C-alpha atoms as a PDB file:
ATOM      1  CA  MET A   1     -48.500 209.832  81.073  1.00  0.00           C
ATOM      2  CA  ILE A   2     -46.607 206.804  79.760  1.00  0.00           C
ATOM      3  CA  ILE A   3     -45.577 205.962  76.180  1.00  0.00           C
ATOM      4  CA  SER A   4     -44.427 202.485  75.380  1.00  0.00           C
ATOM      5  CA  ARG A   5     -42.673 201.389  72.183  1.00  0.00           C
ATOM      6  CA  THR A   6     -42.807 197.724  71.204  1.00  0.00           C
ATOM      7  CA  PRO A   7     -41.137 196.182  68.109  1.00  0.00           C
ATOM      8  CA  PHE A   8     -42.846 194.123  65.344  1.00  0.00           C
ATOM      9  CA  ARG A   9     -41.047 191.027  64.204  1.00  0.00           C
ATOM     10  CA  VAL A  10     -40.087 188.786  61.285  1.00  0.00           C
ATOM     11  CA  SER A  11     -40.320 185.047  61.982  1.00  0.00           C
ATOM     12  CA  PHE A  12     -38.030 182.920  59.852  1.00  0.00           C
ATOM     13  CA  PHE A  13     -38.243 179.280  60.949  1.00  0.00           C
ATOM     14  CA  GLY A  14     -40.271 177.036  63.306  1.00  0.00           C
ATOM     15  CA  GLY A  15     -43.624 178.777  63.077  1.00  0.00           C
ATOM     16  CA  GLY A  16     -46.326 176.313  64.149  1.00  0.00           C
ATOM     17  CA  THR A  17     -44.212 174.622  66.757  1.00  0.00           C
ATOM     18  CA  ASP A  18     -44.904 177.574  69.087  1.00  0.00           C
ATOM     19  CA  TYR A  19     -48.544 176.718  69.567  1.00  0.00           C
ATOM     20  CA  PRO A  20     -49.200 175.235  73.059  1.00  0.00           C
ATOM     21  CA  ALA A  21     -51.241 172.431  71.545  1.00  0.00           C
ATOM     22  CA  TRP A  22     -47.965 171.262  69.973  1.00  0.00           C
ATOM     23  CA  TYR A  23     -45.106 172.290  72.294  1.00  0.00           C
ATOM     24  CA  ARG A  24     -46.757 171.059  75.480  1.00  0.00           C
ATOM     25  CA  ARG A  25     -46.505 167.514  74.043  1.00  0.00           C
ATOM     26  CA  HIS A  26     -43.493 167.736  71.735  1.00  0.00           C
ATOM     27  CA  GLY A  27     -41.546 170.853  72.574  1.00  0.00           C
ATOM     28  CA  GLY A  28     -40.866 173.499  69.934  1.00  0.00           C
ATOM     29  CA  ALA A  29     -38.380 176.052  68.588  1.00  0.00           C
ATOM     30  CA  VAL A  30     -38.403 179.170  66.395  1.00  0.00           C
ATOM     31  CA  LEU A  31     -35.871 181.553  64.865  1.00  0.00           C
ATOM     32  CA  ALA A  32     -37.312 185.098  64.842  1.00  0.00           C
ATOM     33  CA  ALA A  33     -36.099 188.726  64.937  1.00  0.00           C
ATOM     34  CA  ALA A  34     -37.561 192.047  66.123  1.00  0.00           C
ATOM     35  CA  ILE A  35     -37.301 194.821  63.544  1.00  0.00           C
ATOM     36  CA  ASP A  36     -37.180 198.659  63.730  1.00  0.00           C
ATOM     37  CA  LYS A  37     -40.912 199.038  63.138  1.00  0.00           C
ATOM     38  CA  TYR A  38     -42.966 199.641  66.209  1.00  0.00           C
ATOM     39  CA  CYS A  39     -46.331 199.802  68.053  1.00  0.00           C
ATOM     40  CA  TYR A  40     -46.665 202.934  70.196  1.00  0.00           C
ATOM     41  CA  LEU A  41     -49.121 203.119  73.134  1.00  0.00           C
ATOM     42  CA  THR A  42     -49.839 206.235  75.144  1.00  0.00           C
ATOM     43  CA  CYS A  43     -51.659 205.784  78.452  1.00  0.00           C
ATOM     44  CA  ARG A  44     -52.665 208.292  81.034  1.00  0.00           C
ATOM     45  CA  TYR A  45     -55.162 208.375  83.927  1.00  0.00           C
ATOM     46  CA  LEU A  46     -58.262 210.289  82.827  1.00  0.00           C
ATOM     47  CA  PRO A  47     -59.183 213.370  84.949  1.00  0.00           C
ATOM     48  CA  PRO A  48     -62.724 212.992  86.440  1.00  0.00           C
ATOM     49  CA  PHE A  49     -64.329 215.751  84.285  1.00  0.00           C
ATOM     50  CA  PHE A  50     -65.650 213.683  81.420  1.00  0.00           C
ATOM     51  CA  ASP A  51     -68.874 211.788  80.692  1.00  0.00           C
ATOM     52  CA  HIS A  52     -66.826 208.661  79.995  1.00  0.00           C
ATOM     53  CA  ARG A  53     -64.270 206.690  82.160  1.00  0.00           C
ATOM     54  CA  TYR A  54     -62.380 205.031  79.339  1.00  0.00           C
ATOM     55  CA  ARG A  55     -61.357 206.448  76.001  1.00  0.00           C
ATOM     56  CA  CYS A  56     -59.495 204.192  73.497  1.00  0.00           C
ATOM     57  CA  VAL A  57     -58.195 205.659  70.258  1.00  0.00           C
ATOM     58  CA  TYR A  58     -56.970 203.251  67.552  1.00  0.00           C
ATOM     59  CA  SER A  59     -58.607 202.708  64.126  1.00  0.00           C
ATOM     60  CA  LYS A  60     -61.770 203.554  66.003  1.00  0.00           C
ATOM     61  CA  ILE A  61     -62.530 205.859  68.904  1.00  0.00           C
ATOM     62  CA  GLU A  62     -64.318 204.403  71.900  1.00  0.00           C
ATOM     63  CA  SER A  63     -65.634 206.394  74.811  1.00  0.00           C
ATOM     64  CA  VAL A  64     -67.311 204.165  77.397  1.00  0.00           C
ATOM     65  CA  GLN A  65     -68.177 203.939  81.074  1.00  0.00           C
ATOM     66  CA  ASN A  66     -67.346 200.330  81.776  1.00  0.00           C
ATOM     67  CA  ILE A  67     -64.488 198.042  80.811  1.00  0.00           C
ATOM     68  CA  GLU A  68     -66.832 195.374  79.569  1.00  0.00           C
ATOM     69  CA  ASP A  69     -68.289 197.896  77.046  1.00  0.00           C
ATOM     70  CA  ILE A  70     -64.940 198.255  75.265  1.00  0.00           C
ATOM     71  CA  GLU A  71     -64.999 196.620  71.875  1.00  0.00           C
ATOM     72  CA  HIS A  72     -61.243 196.174  71.335  1.00  0.00           C
ATOM     73  CA  PRO A  73     -60.602 192.683  72.688  1.00  0.00           C
ATOM     74  CA  ALA A  74     -57.001 193.276  73.853  1.00  0.00           C
ATOM     75  CA  ILE A  75     -57.780 196.498  75.649  1.00  0.00           C
ATOM     76  CA  ARG A  76     -60.824 195.013  77.331  1.00  0.00           C
ATOM     77  CA  ALA A  77     -58.909 191.868  78.370  1.00  0.00           C
ATOM     78  CA  VAL A  78     -55.770 193.690  79.623  1.00  0.00           C
ATOM     79  CA  LEU A  79     -57.771 196.279  81.691  1.00  0.00           C
ATOM     80  CA  GLY A  80     -59.869 193.421  83.155  1.00  0.00           C
ATOM     81  CA  TYR A  81     -56.806 191.230  83.880  1.00  0.00           C
ATOM     82  CA  LEU A  82     -54.952 194.111  85.641  1.00  0.00           C
ATOM     83  CA  GLY A  83     -58.067 195.088  87.589  1.00  0.00           C
ATOM     84  CA  ILE A  84     -57.877 198.742  86.385  1.00  0.00           C
ATOM     85  CA  ASP A  85     -60.423 200.744  88.410  1.00  0.00           C
ATOM     86  CA  GLN A  86     -59.464 204.333  87.345  1.00  0.00           C
ATOM     87  CA  GLY A  87     -60.489 206.329  84.362  1.00  0.00           C
ATOM     88  CA  LEU A  88     -58.042 205.811  81.545  1.00  0.00           C
ATOM     89  CA  GLU A  89     -57.172 207.084  78.069  1.00  0.00           C
ATOM     90  CA  ILE A  90     -55.244 204.967  75.631  1.00  0.00           C
ATOM     91  CA  HIS A  91     -53.886 206.009  72.193  1.00  0.00           C
ATOM     92  CA  HIS A  92     -52.392 203.578  69.620  1.00  0.00           C
ATOM     93  CA  ASP A  93     -50.074 204.309  66.763  1.00  0.00           C
ATOM     94  CA  GLY A  94     -48.249 201.775  64.624  1.00  0.00           C
ATOM     95  CA  ASP A  95     -45.598 201.758  61.913  1.00  0.00           C
ATOM     96  CA  LEU A  96     -47.175 198.840  60.137  1.00  0.00           C
ATOM     97  CA  PRO A  97     -50.791 197.934  59.468  1.00  0.00           C
ATOM     98  CA  ALA A  98     -52.728 195.466  61.643  1.00  0.00           C
ATOM     99  CA  ARG A  99     -53.479 191.870  60.489  1.00  0.00           C
ATOM    100  CA  SER A 100     -50.364 191.861  58.329  1.00  0.00           C
ATOM    101  CA  GLY A 101     -48.345 188.940  59.816  1.00  0.00           C
ATOM    102  CA  MET A 102     -45.821 191.116  61.617  1.00  0.00           C
ATOM    103  CA  GLY A 103     -46.849 190.186  65.200  1.00  0.00           C
ATOM    104  CA  SER A 104     -48.854 193.414  65.569  1.00  0.00           C
ATOM    105  CA  SER A 105     -51.561 191.940  67.862  1.00  0.00           C
ATOM    106  CA  SER A 106     -48.992 190.600  70.318  1.00  0.00           C
ATOM    107  CA  ALA A 107     -46.872 193.842  70.151  1.00  0.00           C
ATOM    108  CA  PHE A 108     -50.084 195.757  71.106  1.00  0.00           C
ATOM    109  CA  THR A 109     -50.761 193.418  74.023  1.00  0.00           C
ATOM    110  CA  VAL A 110     -47.121 193.540  75.256  1.00  0.00           C
ATOM    111  CA  GLY A 111     -46.967 197.306  74.844  1.00  0.00           C
ATOM    112  CA  LEU A 112     -50.234 197.834  76.653  1.00  0.00           C
ATOM    113  CA  LEU A 113     -49.296 195.597  79.576  1.00  0.00           C
ATOM    114  CA  HIS A 114     -45.912 197.342  79.794  1.00  0.00           C
ATOM    115  CA  ALA A 115     -47.388 200.837  79.778  1.00  0.00           C
ATOM    116  CA  LEU A 116     -50.164 200.090  82.301  1.00  0.00           C
ATOM    117  CA  HIS A 117     -47.731 198.390  84.714  1.00  0.00           C
ATOM    118  CA  ALA A 118     -45.364 201.340  84.358  1.00  0.00           C
ATOM    119  CA  LEU A 119     -48.328 203.804  84.977  1.00  0.00           C
ATOM    120  CA  ARG A 120     -48.827 201.989  88.325  1.00  0.00           C
ATOM    121  CA  GLY A 121     -45.064 202.230  89.117  1.00  0.00           C
ATOM    122  CA  GLU A 122     -44.477 198.566  88.497  1.00  0.00           C
ATOM    123  CA  MET A 123     -41.516 197.095  86.527  1.00  0.00           C
ATOM    124  CA  LEU A 124     -41.672 193.715  84.895  1.00  0.00           C
ATOM    125  CA  SER A 125     -38.874 191.614  83.443  1.00  0.00           C
ATOM    126  CA  SER A 126     -39.012 190.740  79.740  1.00  0.00           C
ATOM    127  CA  HIS A 127     -39.848 187.077  80.794  1.00  0.00           C
ATOM    128  CA  GLN A 128     -42.716 188.143  82.948  1.00  0.00           C
ATOM    129  CA  LEU A 129     -44.057 190.608  80.343  1.00  0.00           C
ATOM    130  CA  ALA A 130     -44.066 187.838  77.737  1.00  0.00           C
ATOM    131  CA  LEU A 131     -45.789 185.379  80.081  1.00  0.00           C
ATOM    132  CA  GLU A 132     -48.546 187.855  80.875  1.00  0.00           C
ATOM    133  CA  ALA A 133     -49.102 188.654  77.166  1.00  0.00           C
ATOM    134  CA  ILE A 134     -49.291 184.922  76.328  1.00  0.00           C
ATOM    135  CA  HIS A 135     -51.813 184.423  79.170  1.00  0.00           C
ATOM    136  CA  VAL A 136     -53.942 187.336  78.067  1.00  0.00           C
ATOM    137  CA  GLU A 137     -54.109 186.295  74.411  1.00  0.00           C
ATOM    138  CA  GLN A 138     -54.451 182.546  74.860  1.00  0.00           C
ATOM    139  CA  GLU A 139     -56.457 182.276  78.099  1.00  0.00           C
ATOM    140  CA  VAL A 140     -58.304 185.548  78.571  1.00  0.00           C
ATOM    141  CA  ILE A 141     -59.111 186.450  74.907  1.00  0.00           C
ATOM    142  CA  ARG A 142     -58.880 182.709  73.949  1.00  0.00           C
ATOM    143  CA  GLU A 143     -57.418 183.362  70.520  1.00  0.00           C
ATOM    144  CA  THR A 144     -55.752 180.599  68.560  1.00  0.00           C
ATOM    145  CA  VAL A 145     -52.260 182.145  68.607  1.00  0.00           C
ATOM    146  CA  GLY A 146     -48.779 180.873  69.284  1.00  0.00           C
ATOM    147  CA  SER A 147     -46.232 182.101  71.802  1.00  0.00           C
ATOM    148  CA  GLN A 148     -43.330 183.402  69.777  1.00  0.00           C
ATOM    149  CA  ASP A 149     -44.738 186.863  68.969  1.00  0.00           C
ATOM    150  CA  GLN A 150     -45.233 187.965  72.599  1.00  0.00           C
ATOM    151  CA  ILE A 151     -41.666 186.783  73.429  1.00  0.00           C
ATOM    152  CA  THR A 152     -40.026 188.578  70.565  1.00  0.00           C
ATOM    153  CA  ALA A 153     -42.000 191.770  71.308  1.00  0.00           C
ATOM    154  CA  ALA A 154     -40.937 191.675  74.954  1.00  0.00           C
ATOM    155  CA  TYR A 155     -37.317 190.686  74.463  1.00  0.00           C
ATOM    156  CA  GLY A 156     -36.385 192.168  71.106  1.00  0.00           C
ATOM    157  CA  GLY A 157     -33.193 190.935  69.318  1.00  0.00           C
ATOM    158  CA  PHE A 158     -32.662 188.065  66.983  1.00  0.00           C
ATOM    159  CA  ASN A 159     -33.369 184.931  68.988  1.00  0.00           C
ATOM    160  CA  HIS A 160     -33.594 181.183  68.993  1.00  0.00           C
ATOM    161  CA  ILE A 161     -36.559 180.552  71.181  1.00  0.00           C
ATOM    162  CA  ILE A 162     -37.055 177.080  72.677  1.00  0.00           C
ATOM    163  CA  PHE A 163     -40.452 175.969  74.049  1.00  0.00           C
ATOM    164  CA  ARG A 164     -40.547 173.349  76.768  1.00  0.00           C
ATOM    165  CA  GLU A 165     -43.329 170.758  77.385  1.00  0.00           C
ATOM    166  CA  ASN A 166     -43.920 172.243  80.841  1.00  0.00           C
ATOM    167  CA  GLY A 167     -45.058 175.450  79.106  1.00  0.00           C
ATOM    168  CA  ASP A 168     -41.913 177.502  79.842  1.00  0.00           C
ATOM    169  CA  PHE A 169     -39.482 178.910  77.271  1.00  0.00           C
ATOM    170  CA  GLU A 170     -35.873 179.875  76.833  1.00  0.00           C
ATOM    171  CA  VAL A 171     -34.541 182.800  74.819  1.00  0.00           C
ATOM    172  CA  HIS A 172     -31.106 182.387  73.261  1.00  0.00           C
ATOM    173  CA  PRO A 173     -29.724 185.348  71.262  1.00  0.00           C
ATOM    174  CA  VAL A 174     -28.225 184.333  67.986  1.00  0.00           C
ATOM    175  CA  THR A 175     -24.506 184.954  68.487  1.00  0.00           C
ATOM    176  CA  ILE A 176     -22.991 186.087  65.157  1.00  0.00           C
ATOM    177  CA  SER A 177     -20.807 189.078  64.319  1.00  0.00           C
ATOM    178  CA  ALA A 178     -22.316 192.438  63.490  1.00  0.00           C
ATOM    179  CA  GLU A 179     -20.849 192.152  60.066  1.00  0.00           C
ATOM    180  CA  ARG A 180     -22.655 188.822  59.511  1.00  0.00           C
ATOM    181  CA  MET A 181     -25.891 190.312  60.825  1.00  0.00           C
ATOM    182  CA  ARG A 182     -25.618 193.209  58.432  1.00  0.00           C
ATOM    183  CA  GLU A 183     -24.957 190.871  55.603  1.00  0.00           C
ATOM    184  CA  LEU A 184     -28.122 188.820  56.438  1.00  0.00           C
ATOM    185  CA  ASN A 185     -30.134 192.084  56.734  1.00  0.00           C
ATOM    186  CA  ALA A 186     -28.828 193.196  53.304  1.00  0.00           C
ATOM    187  CA  HIS A 187     -30.155 189.966  51.704  1.00  0.00           C
ATOM    188  CA  LEU A 188     -33.708 190.481  52.925  1.00  0.00           C
ATOM    189  CA  LEU A 189     -36.625 192.261  51.261  1.00  0.00           C
ATOM    190  CA  LEU A 190     -39.916 193.066  52.981  1.00  0.00           C
ATOM    191  CA  LEU A 191     -42.931 193.696  50.687  1.00  0.00           C
ATOM    192  CA  TYR A 192     -46.551 194.355  51.715  1.00  0.00           C
ATOM    193  CA  THR A 193     -49.104 192.387  49.656  1.00  0.00           C
ATOM    194  CA  GLY A 194     -52.039 194.488  50.860  1.00  0.00           C
ATOM    195  CA  ILE A 195     -53.911 191.316  51.815  1.00  0.00           C
ATOM    196  CA  LYS A 196     -55.295 191.609  55.364  1.00  0.00           C
ATOM    197  CA  ARG A 197     -56.160 188.501  57.379  1.00  0.00           C
ATOM    198  CA  THR A 198     -56.698 187.453  60.998  1.00  0.00           C
ATOM    199  CA  ALA A 199     -53.884 185.127  62.211  1.00  0.00           C
ATOM    200  CA  SER A 200     -56.098 183.136  64.579  1.00  0.00           C
ATOM    201  CA  ASP A 201     -58.476 182.351  61.633  1.00  0.00           C
ATOM    202  CA  ILE A 202     -55.501 180.966  59.571  1.00  0.00           C
ATOM    203  CA  ALA A 203     -54.073 179.121  62.582  1.00  0.00           C
ATOM    204  CA  SER A 204     -57.465 177.487  63.403  1.00  0.00           C
ATOM    205  CA  SER A 205     -57.355 175.763  60.077  1.00  0.00           C
ATOM    206  CA  PHE A 206     -54.515 173.492  61.272  1.00  0.00           C
ATOM    207  CA  VAL A 207     -54.094 173.847  65.012  1.00  0.00           C
ATOM    208  CA  THR A 208     -57.370 172.037  65.744  1.00  0.00           C
ATOM    209  CA  ARG A 209     -55.911 168.882  64.160  1.00  0.00           C
ATOM    210  CA  ILE A 210     -52.256 169.675  64.811  1.00  0.00           C
ATOM    211  CA  ASP A 211     -51.248 166.031  65.524  1.00  0.00           C
ATOM    212  CA  GLU A 212     -52.078 165.241  61.898  1.00  0.00           C
ATOM    213  CA  ARG A 213     -49.254 167.643  60.879  1.00  0.00           C
ATOM    214  CA  ARG A 214     -46.592 165.992  62.951  1.00  0.00           C
ATOM    215  CA  ARG A 215     -44.268 165.332  59.968  1.00  0.00           C
ATOM    216  CA  GLN A 216     -44.422 168.914  58.810  1.00  0.00           C
ATOM    217  CA  LEU A 217     -43.873 170.419  62.221  1.00  0.00           C
ATOM    218  CA  ARG A 218     -40.964 168.183  62.956  1.00  0.00           C
ATOM    219  CA  ILE A 219     -39.362 169.255  59.621  1.00  0.00           C
ATOM    220  CA  MET A 220     -39.951 172.880  60.624  1.00  0.00           C
ATOM    221  CA  ALA A 221     -38.232 172.369  63.947  1.00  0.00           C
ATOM    222  CA  ASP A 222     -35.292 170.685  62.188  1.00  0.00           C
ATOM    223  CA  LEU A 223     -34.979 173.683  59.816  1.00  0.00           C
ATOM    224  CA  VAL A 224     -34.404 175.961  62.841  1.00  0.00           C
ATOM    225  CA  ARG A 225     -31.299 173.970  63.724  1.00  0.00           C
ATOM    226  CA  GLU A 226     -30.090 173.939  60.140  1.00  0.00           C
ATOM    227  CA  ALA A 227     -30.580 177.737  59.743  1.00  0.00           C
ATOM    228  CA  LEU A 228     -28.641 178.322  62.952  1.00  0.00           C
ATOM    229  CA  THR A 229     -25.779 176.168  61.567  1.00  0.00           C
ATOM    230  CA  VAL A 230     -25.785 178.321  58.432  1.00  0.00           C
ATOM    231  CA  LEU A 231     -25.779 181.595  60.321  1.00  0.00           C
ATOM    232  CA  THR A 232     -23.071 180.713  62.839  1.00  0.00           C
ATOM    233  CA  GLY A 233     -20.870 179.084  60.098  1.00  0.00           C
ATOM    234  CA  SER A 234     -18.388 180.856  57.876  1.00  0.00           C
ATOM    235  CA  GLY A 235     -19.867 179.978  54.516  1.00  0.00           C
ATOM    236  CA  GLY A 236     -22.166 181.990  52.279  1.00  0.00           C
ATOM    237  CA  LEU A 237     -25.685 182.787  53.304  1.00  0.00           C
ATOM    238  CA  GLU A 238     -27.356 181.406  50.206  1.00  0.00           C
ATOM    239  CA  ALA A 239     -28.195 178.238  52.125  1.00  0.00           C
ATOM    240  CA  PHE A 240     -30.333 180.389  54.479  1.00  0.00           C
ATOM    241  CA  GLY A 241     -32.404 181.408  51.535  1.00  0.00           C
ATOM    242  CA  GLU A 242     -32.691 177.802  50.311  1.00  0.00           C
ATOM    243  CA  LEU A 243     -33.945 176.748  53.726  1.00  0.00           C
ATOM    244  CA  LEU A 244     -36.517 179.542  53.717  1.00  0.00           C
ATOM    245  CA  HIS A 245     -37.865 178.131  50.388  1.00  0.00           C
ATOM    246  CA  GLU A 246     -37.984 174.650  51.836  1.00  0.00           C
ATOM    247  CA  ALA A 247     -39.737 175.950  55.022  1.00  0.00           C
ATOM    248  CA  TRP A 248     -42.348 177.835  52.936  1.00  0.00           C
ATOM    249  CA  LEU A 249     -43.190 174.656  50.899  1.00  0.00           C
ATOM    250  CA  VAL A 250     -43.693 172.742  54.171  1.00  0.00           C
ATOM    251  CA  LYS A 251     -45.765 175.564  55.739  1.00  0.00           C
ATOM    252  CA  ARG A 252     -48.098 175.628  52.684  1.00  0.00           C
ATOM    253  CA  SER A 253     -48.828 171.950  53.225  1.00  0.00           C
ATOM    254  CA  LEU A 254     -50.248 172.729  56.780  1.00  0.00           C
ATOM    255  CA  SER A 255     -53.465 174.119  55.428  1.00  0.00           C
ATOM    256  CA  ASN A 256     -55.072 175.560  52.204  1.00  0.00           C
ATOM    257  CA  ALA A 257     -55.558 178.758  54.081  1.00  0.00           C
ATOM    258  CA  VAL A 258     -51.822 179.424  54.484  1.00  0.00           C
ATOM    259  CA  SER A 259     -51.489 180.648  50.891  1.00  0.00           C
ATOM    260  CA  ASN A 260     -53.679 181.424  47.866  1.00  0.00           C
ATOM    261  CA  GLU A 261     -53.340 181.867  44.153  1.00  0.00           C
ATOM    262  CA  ARG A 262     -52.265 185.523  44.360  1.00  0.00           C
ATOM    263  CA  VAL A 263     -49.579 184.869  46.927  1.00  0.00           C
ATOM    264  CA  ASP A 264     -48.284 181.854  45.053  1.00  0.00           C
ATOM    265  CA  SER A 265     -48.014 183.990  41.885  1.00  0.00           C
ATOM    266  CA  LEU A 266     -46.183 186.761  43.708  1.00  0.00           C
ATOM    267  CA  TYR A 267     -43.739 184.353  45.242  1.00  0.00           C
ATOM    268  CA  GLU A 268     -43.014 182.575  41.907  1.00  0.00           C
ATOM    269  CA  ARG A 269     -42.501 185.892  40.137  1.00  0.00           C
ATOM    270  CA  ALA A 270     -40.040 186.872  42.869  1.00  0.00           C
ATOM    271  CA  ARG A 271     -38.191 183.625  42.482  1.00  0.00           C
ATOM    272  CA  ARG A 272     -37.963 184.109  38.684  1.00  0.00           C
ATOM    273  CA  ALA A 273     -36.599 187.564  39.286  1.00  0.00           C
ATOM    274  CA  GLY A 274     -33.807 186.273  41.513  1.00  0.00           C
ATOM    275  CA  ALA A 275     -35.100 185.515  45.000  1.00  0.00           C
ATOM    276  CA  ILE A 276     -33.616 182.338  46.465  1.00  0.00           C
ATOM    277  CA  GLY A 277     -36.391 181.857  49.074  1.00  0.00           C
ATOM    278  CA  GLY A 278     -38.979 183.583  51.135  1.00  0.00           C
ATOM    279  CA  LYS A 279     -42.350 183.291  52.982  1.00  0.00           C
ATOM    280  CA  LEU A 280     -45.337 185.077  54.190  1.00  0.00           C
ATOM    281  CA  THR A 281     -44.672 186.372  57.602  1.00  0.00           C
ATOM    282  CA  GLY A 282     -46.919 185.144  60.427  1.00  0.00           C
ATOM    283  CA  ALA A 283     -49.553 182.481  60.052  1.00  0.00           C
ATOM    284  CA  GLY A 284     -49.994 183.131  56.346  1.00  0.00           C
ATOM    285  CA  GLY A 285     -52.826 184.052  54.128  1.00  0.00           C
ATOM    286  CA  GLY A 286     -51.569 187.516  53.256  1.00  0.00           C
ATOM    287  CA  GLY A 287     -49.818 190.439  54.906  1.00  0.00           C
ATOM    288  CA  PHE A 288     -46.031 190.789  54.288  1.00  0.00           C
ATOM    289  CA  LEU A 289     -43.817 188.778  52.015  1.00  0.00           C
ATOM    290  CA  VAL A 290     -40.183 188.491  53.162  1.00  0.00           C
ATOM    291  CA  LEU A 291     -37.783 187.497  50.493  1.00  0.00           C
ATOM    292  CA  PHE A 292     -34.124 186.362  50.592  1.00  0.00           C
ATOM    293  CA  ALA A 293     -31.912 187.378  47.593  1.00  0.00           C
ATOM    294  CA  PRO A 294     -28.439 188.721  46.876  1.00  0.00           C
ATOM    295  CA  PRO A 295     -28.508 192.491  47.171  1.00  0.00           C
ATOM    296  CA  GLU A 296     -27.665 192.947  43.465  1.00  0.00           C
ATOM    297  CA  ARG A 297     -30.925 191.218  42.584  1.00  0.00           C
ATOM    298  CA  HIS A 298     -33.189 193.378  44.780  1.00  0.00           C
ATOM    299  CA  GLU A 299     -33.810 196.079  42.170  1.00  0.00           C
ATOM    300  CA  ARG A 300     -34.994 193.552  39.650  1.00  0.00           C
ATOM    301  CA  ILE A 301     -37.266 191.843  42.244  1.00  0.00           C
ATOM    302  CA  ARG A 302     -38.805 195.207  43.245  1.00  0.00           C
ATOM    303  CA  ALA A 303     -39.399 196.084  39.612  1.00  0.00           C
ATOM    304  CA  GLU A 304     -41.147 192.734  39.083  1.00  0.00           C
ATOM    305  CA  LEU A 305     -43.378 193.352  42.168  1.00  0.00           C
ATOM    306  CA  ALA A 306     -43.693 197.088  41.665  1.00  0.00           C
ATOM    307  CA  ASN A 307     -47.328 197.085  42.793  1.00  0.00           C
ATOM    308  CA  LEU A 308     -46.252 195.991  46.311  1.00  0.00           C
ATOM    309  CA  ILE A 309     -45.070 198.380  48.980  1.00  0.00           C
ATOM    310  CA  HIS A 310     -41.351 197.897  49.817  1.00  0.00           C
ATOM    311  CA  VAL A 311     -40.589 198.445  53.544  1.00  0.00           C
ATOM    312  CA  PRO A 312     -36.809 198.840  54.359  1.00  0.00           C
ATOM    313  CA  PHE A 313     -36.020 197.559  57.830  1.00  0.00           C
ATOM    314  CA  SER A 314     -33.164 196.687  60.187  1.00  0.00           C
ATOM    315  CA  PHE A 315     -33.090 194.293  63.090  1.00  0.00           C
ATOM    316  CA  ASP A 316     -33.951 195.749  66.497  1.00  0.00           C
ATOM    317  CA  ARG A 317     -31.983 194.729  69.536  1.00  0.00           C
ATOM    318  CA  SER A 318     -34.278 196.083  72.238  1.00  0.00           C
ATOM    319  CA  GLY A 319     -37.713 194.733  73.129  1.00  0.00           C
ATOM    320  CA  SER A 320     -40.649 196.708  74.586  1.00  0.00           C
ATOM    321  CA  GLN A 321     -39.503 199.923  76.153  1.00  0.00           C
ATOM    322  CA  ILE A 322     -40.982 202.882  78.120  1.00  0.00           C
ATOM    323  CA  ILE A 323     -39.757 205.841  76.031  1.00  0.00           C
ATOM    324  CA  PHE A 324     -41.673 208.606  77.954  1.00  0.00           C
ATOM    325  CA  PHE A 325     -42.705 208.863  81.573  1.00  0.00           C
ATOM    326  CA  ASP A 326     -44.383 211.873  83.102  1.00  0.00           C
ATOM    327  CA  HIS A 327     -46.074 211.378  86.512  1.00  0.00           C
ATOM    328  CA  GLU A 328     -49.158 213.536  86.265  1.00  0.00           C
ATOM    329  CA  ARG A 329     -51.552 214.274  89.123  1.00  0.00           C
ATOM    330  CA  ASP A 330     -53.254 211.017  90.064  1.00  0.00           C
ATOM    331  CA  TYR A 331     -56.898 211.305  90.817  1.00  0.00           C
ATOM    332  CA  SER A 332     -56.913 208.242  93.034  1.00  0.00           C
ATOM    333  CA  GLU A 333     -55.047 209.025  96.278  1.00  0.00           C
ATOM    334  CA  GLN A 334     -54.275 205.392  96.959  1.00  0.00           C
ATOM    335  CA  SER A 335     -52.802 204.808  93.508  1.00  0.00           C
ATOM    336  CA  ARG A 336     -50.815 208.096  93.761  1.00  0.00           C
ATOM    337  CA  ILE A 337     -49.190 207.014  96.968  1.00  0.00           C
ATOM    338  CA  ARG A 338     -48.373 203.579  95.578  1.00  0.00           C
ATOM    339  CA  ALA A 339     -46.880 204.952  92.339  1.00  0.00           C
ATOM    340  CA  GLN A 340     -44.927 207.638  94.142  1.00  0.00           C
ATOM    341  CA  GLN A 341     -43.111 205.088  96.323  1.00  0.00           C
ATOM    342  CA  LYS A 342     -41.577 203.545  93.197  1.00  0.00           C
ATOM    343  CA  ILE A 343     -41.279 206.441  90.865  1.00  0.00           C
ATOM    344  CA  ASP A 344     -37.660 207.543  91.624  1.00  0.00           C
ATOM    345  CA  ALA A 345     -36.300 204.039  91.217  1.00  0.00           C
ATOM    346  CA  PHE A 346     -38.319 203.578  88.011  1.00  0.00           C
ATOM    347  CA  ARG A 347     -36.812 206.699  86.478  1.00  0.00           C
ATOM    348  CA  GLU A 348     -33.309 205.629  87.269  1.00  0.00           C
ATOM    349  CA  LEU A 349     -33.793 202.062  85.782  1.00  0.00           C
ATOM    350  CA  THR A 350     -35.741 203.247  82.705  1.00  0.00           C
ATOM    351  CA  PRO A 351     -34.195 206.510  81.518  1.00  0.00           C
ATOM    352  CA  CYS A 352     -35.951 208.499  78.914  1.00  0.00           C
ATOM    353  CA  PRO A 353     -33.979 209.028  75.687  1.00  0.00           C
END
């Protein structure tokens, strides 16, 4: 049995420039951070005593004979991509709801790939894990999604991610002091609007005609550089909040689907209560609202938005991890031998906490 733990994320700047339709022509950059809220996936080979070969437990329970009969698109795609030919049981648990703008879909894909590779005794680098997750979501499932969520889920940390026109990417950790990082964390509020939406639906509203948004996307890329200058400087962090507000105004202009009357009202109420800036996480349309405000104004903002769920969080420095490994009896002799050859080295390199 394997259990993987994969972080969700908060994206601050550059969203939209991480879509291949854009960065393969113009390059792109984002500033995003993994947080201490996670997707957990438990995987084990299924003993051959059941009427089904695959059992998937998430918000639904599926028990089927064939991979192509699995309804969950990411599970079906990952099992097909990896060529899984053994009975398998998969359980999902998450700290945050799906379709909420926190990169939950990509965290699921990254975590499942990580767990199934580990179940076969295979170890992937963070770079390879992110590449495989991007391939599954964009090429196998063919969803309209960007590439930053898979990278942040695989790598963890607070990163400046650069996308190259050749399709590759670079991950540069934001190098600031621990005290500066704590100060930034203390200025942030994360609130759940309760509005669920599908990121690919929101993204489709502007990605299909992305070249018509060149001005907005270039501004969003510039804001990444400005935000990094603020973070790595010695001045106050208020300018970071002001840039968030500017980025939100630009993002809203990408499509009418990015925001709505309720979200606009919540954001304006937060601003009147003391927030300097903020945004909807992810593609927009609903989900979580992240706000930047001096800590002494947080209580007033939370009182103004008392109908929203406040989710305290901290930044997470580690990406997707295997947190439990127990090599059960493998009912495929060939797979058992293959896994056994690598198991000792795997345990040494990926110790259980």
